[in-house]
PDB file of N, CA and C in Angstrom:
ATOM      1  N   MET A   1       0.759  -1.225  -0.016  1.00  0.00           N
ATOM      2  CA  MET A   1       0.090   0.000   0.039  1.00  0.00           C
ATOM      3  C   MET A   1       0.857   1.191  -0.071  1.00  0.00           C
ATOM      4  N   ASP A   2       0.457   2.185  -0.930  1.00  0.00           N
ATOM      5  CA  ASP A   2       1.388   3.331  -1.146  1.00  0.00           C
ATOM      6  C   ASP A   2       0.946   4.364   0.037  1.00  0.00           C
ATOM      7  N   GLY A   3       1.804   5.390   0.260  1.00  0.00           N
ATOM      8  CA  GLY A   3       1.408   6.409   1.262  1.00  0.00           C
ATOM      9  C   GLY A   3       1.566   6.266   2.639  1.00  0.00           C
ATOM     10  N   PHE A   4       2.145   5.148   3.068  1.00  0.00           N
ATOM     11  CA  PHE A   4       2.272   4.932   4.377  1.00  0.00           C
ATOM     12  C   PHE A   4       3.677   4.625   4.712  1.00  0.00           C
ATOM     13  N   ASP A   5       4.085   5.062   6.026  1.00  0.00           N
ATOM     14  CA  ASP A   5       5.471   4.864   6.314  1.00  0.00           C
ATOM     15  C   ASP A   5       5.796   3.418   6.848  1.00  0.00           C
ATOM     16  N   GLN A   6       4.705   3.043   7.549  1.00  0.00           N
ATOM     17  CA  GLN A   6       4.883   1.684   8.079  1.00  0.00           C
ATOM     18  C   GLN A   6       3.431   1.216   8.368  1.00  0.00           C
ATOM     19  N   LEU A   7       3.389  -0.180   8.266  1.00  0.00           N
ATOM     20  CA  LEU A   7       1.899  -0.874   8.526  1.00  0.00           C
ATOM     21  C   LEU A   7       2.166  -1.740   9.740  1.00  0.00           C
ATOM     22  N   SER A   8       1.126  -1.941  10.505  1.00  0.00           N
ATOM     23  CA  SER A   8       1.043  -3.069  11.631  1.00  0.00           C
ATOM     24  C   SER A   8       1.329  -4.400  10.828  1.00  0.00           C
ATOM     25  N   LEU A   9       1.586  -5.336  11.778  1.00  0.00           N
ATOM     26  CA  LEU A   9       1.791  -6.831  11.317  1.00  0.00           C
ATOM     27  C   LEU A   9       0.575  -7.484  10.822  1.00  0.00           C
ATOM     28  N   SER A  10      -0.480  -7.171  11.518  1.00  0.00           N
ATOM     29  CA  SER A  10      -1.870  -7.768  11.257  1.00  0.00           C
ATOM     30  C   SER A  10      -3.065  -7.033  11.516  1.00  0.00           C
ATOM     31  N   PHE A  11      -4.193  -7.463  10.839  1.00  0.00           N
ATOM     32  CA  PHE A  11      -5.437  -6.782  11.038  1.00  0.00           C
ATOM     33  C   PHE A  11      -5.888  -7.155  12.418  1.00  0.00           C
ATOM     34  N   SER A  12      -6.549  -6.098  13.054  1.00  0.00           N
ATOM     35  CA  SER A  12      -7.212  -6.284  14.404  1.00  0.00           C
ATOM     36  C   SER A  12      -8.697  -5.947  14.251  1.00  0.00           C
ATOM     37  N   GLU A  13      -9.708  -6.696  14.390  1.00  0.00           N
ATOM     38  CA  GLU A  13     -11.209  -6.180  14.240  1.00  0.00           C
ATOM     39  C   GLU A  13     -11.438  -5.638  12.722  1.00  0.00           C
ATOM     40  N   LYS A  14     -10.693  -6.190  11.778  1.00  0.00           N
ATOM     41  CA  LYS A  14     -10.838  -5.651  10.370  1.00  0.00           C
ATOM     42  C   LYS A  14     -10.200  -4.443  10.074  1.00  0.00           C
ATOM     43  N   PHE A  15      -9.264  -3.932  11.137  1.00  0.00           N
ATOM     44  CA  PHE A  15      -8.480  -2.562  10.991  1.00  0.00           C
ATOM     45  C   PHE A  15      -7.020  -2.841  10.950  1.00  0.00           C
ATOM     46  N   LEU A  16      -6.276  -2.256  10.301  1.00  0.00           N
ATOM     47  CA  LEU A  16      -4.894  -2.165  10.252  1.00  0.00           C
ATOM     48  C   LEU A  16      -4.275  -0.889  10.728  1.00  0.00           C
ATOM     49  N   GLY A  17      -3.377  -0.913  11.692  1.00  0.00           N
ATOM     50  CA  GLY A  17      -2.652   0.363  11.991  1.00  0.00           C
ATOM     51  C   GLY A  17      -1.651   0.722  10.930  1.00  0.00           C
ATOM     52  N   PHE A  18      -1.486   2.020  10.799  1.00  0.00           N
ATOM     53  CA  PHE A  18      -0.386   2.555   9.816  1.00  0.00           C
ATOM     54  C   PHE A  18       0.267   3.650  10.352  1.00  0.00           C
ATOM     55  N   GLU A  19       1.464   3.990  10.042  1.00  0.00           N
ATOM     56  CA  GLU A  19       2.199   5.098  10.417  1.00  0.00           C
ATOM     57  C   GLU A  19       2.392   6.108   9.322  1.00  0.00           C
ATOM     58  N   LYS A  20       2.211   7.376   9.434  1.00  0.00           N
ATOM     59  CA  LYS A  20       2.604   8.267   8.501  1.00  0.00           C
ATOM     60  C   LYS A  20       3.039   9.565   9.262  1.00  0.00           C
ATOM     61  N   GLN A  21       4.441   9.877   8.823  1.00  0.00           N
ATOM     62  CA  GLN A  21       4.915  11.233   9.386  1.00  0.00           C
ATOM     63  C   GLN A  21       4.978  11.093  11.005  1.00  0.00           C
ATOM     64  N   GLY A  22       5.284   9.685  11.553  1.00  0.00           N
ATOM     65  CA  GLY A  22       5.494   9.713  12.781  1.00  0.00           C
ATOM     66  C   GLY A  22       4.159   9.589  13.783  1.00  0.00           C
ATOM     67  N   LYS A  23       3.072   9.655  13.092  1.00  0.00           N
ATOM     68  CA  LYS A  23       1.754   9.368  13.680  1.00  0.00           C
ATOM     69  C   LYS A  23       1.016   8.180  13.320  1.00  0.00           C
ATOM     70  N   TRP A  24       0.235   7.602  14.144  1.00  0.00           N
ATOM     71  CA  TRP A  24      -0.463   6.339  13.744  1.00  0.00           C
ATOM     72  C   TRP A  24      -1.967   6.397  13.592  1.00  0.00           C
ATOM     73  N   GLY A  25      -2.645   5.861  12.519  1.00  0.00           N
ATOM     74  CA  GLY A  25      -4.122   5.723  12.311  1.00  0.00           C
ATOM     75  C   GLY A  25      -4.457   4.414  11.917  1.00  0.00           C
ATOM     76  N   PHE A  26      -5.560   4.289  11.394  1.00  0.00           N
ATOM     77  CA  PHE A  26      -6.117   2.974  11.018  1.00  0.00           C
ATOM     78  C   PHE A  26      -6.790   2.955   9.643  1.00  0.00           C
ATOM     79  N   ILE A  27      -6.519   1.780   8.897  1.00  0.00           N
ATOM     80  CA  ILE A  27      -7.143   1.619   7.638  1.00  0.00           C
ATOM     81  C   ILE A  27      -8.170   0.413   7.835  1.00  0.00           C
ATOM     82  N   ASP A  28      -9.068   0.309   6.809  1.00  0.00           N
ATOM     83  CA  ASP A  28      -9.866  -0.845   6.698  1.00  0.00           C
ATOM     84  C   ASP A  28      -9.330  -1.823   5.823  1.00  0.00           C
ATOM     85  N   THR A  29     -10.036  -3.034   5.451  1.00  0.00           N
ATOM     86  CA  THR A  29      -9.521  -4.161   4.794  1.00  0.00           C
ATOM     87  C   THR A  29      -9.550  -3.693   3.301  1.00  0.00           C
ATOM     88  N   ASN A  30     -10.065  -2.556   2.772  1.00  0.00           N
ATOM     89  CA  ASN A  30     -10.130  -2.019   1.476  1.00  0.00           C
ATOM     90  C   ASN A  30      -8.864  -0.965   1.342  1.00  0.00           C
ATOM     91  N   GLY A  31      -8.059  -0.724   2.371  1.00  0.00           N
ATOM     92  CA  GLY A  31      -7.159   0.310   2.343  1.00  0.00           C
ATOM     93  C   GLY A  31      -7.490   1.764   2.542  1.00  0.00           C
ATOM     94  N   ALA A  32      -9.017   1.962   2.908  1.00  0.00           N
ATOM     95  CA  ALA A  32      -9.373   3.217   3.151  1.00  0.00           C
ATOM     96  C   ALA A  32      -9.046   3.795   4.503  1.00  0.00           C
ATOM     97  N   VAL A  33      -8.610   5.050   4.679  1.00  0.00           N
ATOM     98  CA  VAL A  33      -8.378   5.322   6.024  1.00  0.00           C
ATOM     99  C   VAL A  33      -9.745   5.639   6.763  1.00  0.00           C
ATOM    100  N   VAL A  34      -9.779   4.970   8.002  1.00  0.00           N
ATOM    101  CA  VAL A  34     -10.944   5.175   8.799  1.00  0.00           C
ATOM    102  C   VAL A  34     -10.715   5.974  10.057  1.00  0.00           C
ATOM    103  N   LEU A  35      -9.404   6.025  10.512  1.00  0.00           N
ATOM    104  CA  LEU A  35      -9.033   7.044  11.681  1.00  0.00           C
ATOM    105  C   LEU A  35      -7.783   7.714  11.174  1.00  0.00           C
ATOM    106  N   GLU A  36      -7.723   8.879  10.961  1.00  0.00           N
ATOM    107  CA  GLU A  36      -6.574   9.602  10.533  1.00  0.00           C
ATOM    108  C   GLU A  36      -5.402   9.476  11.523  1.00  0.00           C
ATOM    109  N   PRO A  37      -4.072   9.464  11.038  1.00  0.00           N
ATOM    110  CA  PRO A  37      -3.089   9.375  12.008  1.00  0.00           C
ATOM    111  C   PRO A  37      -2.883  10.648  12.877  1.00  0.00           C
ATOM    112  N   LYS A  38      -2.998  10.328  14.116  1.00  0.00           N
ATOM    113  CA  LYS A  38      -2.845  11.390  15.201  1.00  0.00           C
ATOM    114  C   LYS A  38      -2.266  10.902  16.531  1.00  0.00           C
ATOM    115  N   TRP A  39      -2.126   9.473  16.599  1.00  0.00           N
ATOM    116  CA  TRP A  39      -1.417   8.939  17.840  1.00  0.00           C
ATOM    117  C   TRP A  39      -0.036   8.643  17.746  1.00  0.00           C
ATOM    118  N   GLU A  40       0.603   8.609  18.989  1.00  0.00           N
ATOM    119  CA  GLU A  40       2.044   8.293  19.084  1.00  0.00           C
ATOM    120  C   GLU A  40       2.253   6.874  18.858  1.00  0.00           C
ATOM    121  N   ILE A  41       1.410   6.105  19.312  1.00  0.00           N
ATOM    122  CA  ILE A  41       1.424   4.573  19.161  1.00  0.00           C
ATOM    123  C   ILE A  41       0.148   3.972  18.829  1.00  0.00           C
ATOM    124  N   CYS A  42       0.106   2.802  18.275  1.00  0.00           N
ATOM    125  CA  CYS A  42      -0.974   2.003  18.013  1.00  0.00           C
ATOM    126  C   CYS A  42      -1.022   0.518  18.422  1.00  0.00           C
ATOM    127  N   ARG A  43      -2.114   0.015  19.003  1.00  0.00           N
ATOM    128  CA  ARG A  43      -2.090  -1.322  19.480  1.00  0.00           C
ATOM    129  C   ARG A  43      -3.376  -2.054  19.009  1.00  0.00           C
ATOM    130  N   ALA A  44      -3.163  -3.291  18.893  1.00  0.00           N
ATOM    131  CA  ALA A  44      -4.350  -4.132  18.520  1.00  0.00           C
ATOM    132  C   ALA A  44      -5.413  -4.054  19.519  1.00  0.00           C
ATOM    133  N   PHE A  45      -6.716  -4.032  19.224  1.00  0.00           N
ATOM    134  CA  PHE A  45      -7.813  -4.061  20.039  1.00  0.00           C
ATOM    135  C   PHE A  45      -8.910  -5.217  19.728  1.00  0.00           C
TER     136      PHE A  45
END
């Protein structure tokens, strides 16, 4: 997937964490951003 600095290793509840410019957000299984990157860390839920 283009446009991300880093991706989480696996999906959690159909969402995948991604890092962009030092902040983390979440995408869905289609690659659409569902939560914009604004957190320092991301964890599975």
